[in-house]
Amino acid sequence: GGKAVGLTGRDGGMIRARQLKMQDAADPSKEVDVGQVGDIVSIDPSVVKALQDDAFIPVISPIGFGESNESYNINADLVAGKMAEILHAEKLVMMTNIPGVMDKSGNLLTDLTAREIDGLFADGTISGGMLPKISSALDAAKSGVNSVHIIDGRIEHSLLLEILTEQAFGTMIRSH
């Protein structure tokens, strides 16, 4: 029964971006051109708020626009986290293809605080492809989003199970 509306970050000037700059691994004094990959400069949530007010579900493609109207692809987890912060969301749900945050032994960590996540970064437990997702989740939690849920989208009804039951089906990161 929901009514979804597809958007990009260009629509309504929602996501202003700049080109992402990467340091050359071999020579840190040089920058590598990674193409049309961007980083968020600012987000204007007015289009999303207007759609929510009319009971539409905004589905946002993480494309931002630059100073000269160029398009930049932005990490979707980063956009989701920043959007949750700006909208003062109570919860942020990130669906992925893994059970959630795992410890070094491969066990699911179901309930974490921002402080505990900092420790998992420091000791190398969280690394690789999970870094942007967890960094975005952590930033959102530290910026007022009460809880961030990282859940396995491959499990049928995982969203309902995580949110509405006491049994953990993923990792919940609490703001405190």
Protein backbone atom coordinates (compact mmCIF):
# COMPACT_ATOMS: atom_id res chain seq x y z
CA GLY A 1 0.00 0.00 0.00
CA GLY A 2 2.99 2.35 0.21
CA LYS A 3 3.67 4.87 -2.54
CA ALA A 4 7.35 5.15 -3.44
CA VAL A 5 8.92 8.00 -5.40
CA GLY A 6 12.35 7.56 -6.97
CA LEU A 7 14.76 10.48 -6.70
CA THR A 8 18.40 11.25 -7.20
CA GLY A 9 20.32 13.63 -5.01
CA ARG A 10 20.19 16.10 -7.94
CA ASP A 11 16.40 16.41 -7.65
CA GLY A 12 15.43 19.60 -5.91
CA GLY A 13 19.11 20.32 -5.24
CA MET A 14 19.04 17.68 -2.48
CA ILE A 15 22.70 16.54 -2.37
CA ARG A 16 25.48 19.01 -3.08
CA ALA A 17 28.80 17.21 -3.61
CA ARG A 18 32.45 17.62 -4.51
CA GLN A 19 34.84 15.23 -6.19
CA LEU A 20 36.35 12.69 -3.81
CA LYS A 21 40.12 12.97 -3.68
CA MET A 22 42.22 9.90 -2.93
CA GLN A 23 45.89 9.79 -1.98
CA ASP A 24 48.17 7.68 -4.15
CA ALA A 25 49.17 4.62 -2.09
CA ALA A 26 52.67 4.61 -3.55
CA ASP A 27 53.21 8.36 -3.25
CA PRO A 28 51.05 10.12 -0.61
CA SER A 29 52.08 13.53 -1.98
CA LYS A 30 50.04 12.78 -5.13
CA GLU A 31 46.27 12.58 -5.58
CA VAL A 32 44.57 9.97 -7.75
CA ASP A 33 41.64 10.98 -9.96
CA VAL A 34 38.88 8.48 -9.14
CA GLY A 35 36.49 9.93 -11.73
CA GLN A 36 32.94 10.99 -10.95
CA VAL A 37 33.00 9.75 -7.35
CA GLY A 38 31.90 12.32 -4.82
CA ASP A 39 31.71 13.26 -1.19
CA ILE A 40 28.81 15.09 0.45
CA VAL A 41 29.09 18.86 0.89
CA SER A 42 25.53 19.42 2.10
CA ILE A 43 22.05 17.90 2.05
CA ASP A 44 18.81 19.86 1.67
CA PRO A 45 16.06 17.58 3.03
CA SER A 46 13.11 19.74 1.89
CA VAL A 47 12.09 17.41 -0.98
CA VAL A 48 12.18 14.38 1.31
CA LYS A 49 10.17 16.20 3.98
CA ALA A 50 7.56 17.27 1.43
CA LEU A 51 7.19 13.71 0.18
CA GLN A 52 6.93 12.35 3.74
CA ASP A 53 4.27 14.93 4.58
CA ASP A 54 2.18 13.54 1.71
CA ALA A 55 2.79 9.89 2.80
CA PHE A 56 5.19 9.05 -0.05
CA ILE A 57 8.26 6.89 0.52
CA PRO A 58 11.33 8.57 -0.98
CA VAL A 59 13.81 6.16 -2.61
CA ILE A 60 17.01 8.11 -3.15
CA SER A 61 19.76 7.23 -5.61
CA PRO A 62 23.04 8.58 -4.17
CA ILE A 63 23.93 10.93 -7.01
CA GLY A 64 24.98 14.43 -6.00
CA PHE A 65 25.75 17.53 -8.02
CA GLY A 66 28.86 19.67 -7.98
CA GLU A 67 29.61 23.36 -8.18
CA SER A 68 29.52 23.31 -12.00
CA ASN A 69 26.46 21.00 -12.10
CA GLU A 70 28.56 17.88 -12.66
CA SER A 71 27.21 14.57 -11.29
CA TYR A 72 28.97 12.54 -8.61
CA ASN A 73 28.24 9.02 -7.42
CA ILE A 74 28.36 8.90 -3.60
CA ASN A 75 28.56 5.87 -1.33
CA ALA A 76 24.93 4.92 -0.55
CA ASP A 77 25.66 4.11 3.11
CA LEU A 78 27.19 7.56 3.55
CA VAL A 79 24.11 9.23 2.03
CA ALA A 80 21.74 7.14 4.18
CA GLY A 81 23.60 8.02 7.37
CA LYS A 82 23.78 11.75 6.59
CA MET A 83 20.12 11.81 5.57
CA ALA A 84 19.16 10.14 8.87
CA GLU A 85 21.19 12.74 10.79
CA ILE A 86 19.68 15.70 8.94
CA LEU A 87 16.12 14.38 9.26
CA HIS A 88 16.66 13.68 12.98
CA ALA A 89 15.55 10.10 12.37
CA GLU A 90 14.81 7.88 15.34
CA LYS A 91 16.22 4.81 13.54
CA LEU A 92 18.41 4.09 10.56
CA VAL A 93 18.16 0.63 8.99
CA MET A 94 20.94 -0.58 6.71
CA MET A 95 20.21 -3.81 4.88
CA THR A 96 23.21 -5.78 3.65
CA ASN A 97 24.23 -9.28 2.57
CA ILE A 98 25.89 -10.30 5.83
CA PRO A 99 24.37 -11.02 9.27
CA GLY A 100 25.69 -7.76 10.79
CA VAL A 101 28.85 -6.74 12.63
CA MET A 102 30.97 -9.78 13.43
CA ASP A 103 33.70 -10.21 16.04
CA LYS A 104 37.12 -11.65 15.15
CA SER A 105 35.79 -15.19 15.71
CA GLY A 106 32.91 -14.68 13.28
CA ASN A 107 30.20 -14.32 15.93
CA LEU A 108 27.42 -11.78 15.41
CA LEU A 109 27.61 -8.76 17.70
CA THR A 110 23.96 -7.92 18.25
CA ASP A 111 24.05 -4.85 20.49
CA LEU A 112 26.81 -2.25 20.39
CA THR A 113 27.34 1.28 21.64
CA ALA A 114 29.21 3.98 19.75
CA ARG A 115 32.10 3.58 22.22
CA GLU A 116 32.30 -0.17 21.57
CA ILE A 117 32.35 0.45 17.79
CA ASP A 118 35.30 2.83 18.25
CA GLY A 119 37.13 -0.03 19.97
CA LEU A 120 36.35 -2.44 17.13
CA PHE A 121 37.85 0.05 14.65
CA ALA A 122 40.94 0.49 16.82
CA ASP A 123 41.68 -3.23 17.17
CA GLY A 124 41.04 -4.00 13.48
CA THR A 125 37.90 -6.10 14.00
CA ILE A 126 36.03 -3.86 11.57
CA SER A 127 37.89 -3.45 8.30
CA GLY A 128 37.57 -3.60 4.52
CA GLY A 129 34.16 -3.22 2.93
CA MET A 130 32.39 -2.78 6.26
CA LEU A 131 34.32 0.42 7.06
CA PRO A 132 32.07 2.86 5.12
CA LYS A 133 28.87 1.21 6.38
CA ILE A 134 29.94 1.13 10.02
CA SER A 135 31.51 4.60 9.84
CA SER A 136 28.24 6.00 8.51
CA ALA A 137 26.24 4.11 11.15
CA LEU A 138 28.55 5.36 13.89
CA ASP A 139 28.36 8.98 12.69
CA ALA A 140 24.56 8.77 12.65
CA ALA A 141 24.46 7.29 16.16
CA LYS A 142 26.83 9.96 17.48
CA SER A 143 24.74 12.68 15.79
CA GLY A 144 21.44 11.88 17.45
CA VAL A 145 19.95 8.89 15.62
CA ASN A 146 18.82 6.70 18.55
CA SER A 147 19.62 3.37 16.95
CA VAL A 148 21.12 2.02 13.75
CA HIS A 149 20.21 -1.49 12.67
CA ILE A 150 22.47 -3.41 10.29
CA ILE A 151 20.55 -6.44 9.12
CA ASP A 152 20.84 -9.25 6.59
CA GLY A 153 18.43 -8.53 3.74
CA ARG A 154 18.72 -12.14 2.55
CA ILE A 155 16.60 -13.32 5.50
CA GLU A 156 12.87 -13.23 4.80
CA HIS A 157 11.11 -10.58 6.92
CA SER A 158 14.42 -9.58 8.57
CA LEU A 159 13.32 -5.95 8.90
CA LEU A 160 10.17 -6.86 10.81
CA LEU A 161 12.00 -9.46 12.90
CA GLU A 162 14.75 -7.02 13.92
CA ILE A 163 12.45 -4.10 14.72
CA LEU A 164 9.44 -5.88 16.23
CA THR A 165 10.86 -8.84 18.16
CA GLU A 166 13.24 -9.23 21.06
CA GLN A 167 15.45 -11.69 19.15
CA ALA A 168 18.36 -10.02 17.35
CA PHE A 169 18.55 -10.62 13.61
CA GLY A 170 21.40 -8.20 13.04
CA THR A 171 23.46 -5.61 14.84
CA MET A 172 21.90 -2.67 16.63
CA ILE A 173 24.15 0.29 17.35
CA ARG A 174 22.85 2.53 20.11
CA SER A 175 23.70 6.19 20.40
CA HIS A 176 24.60 5.84 24.08
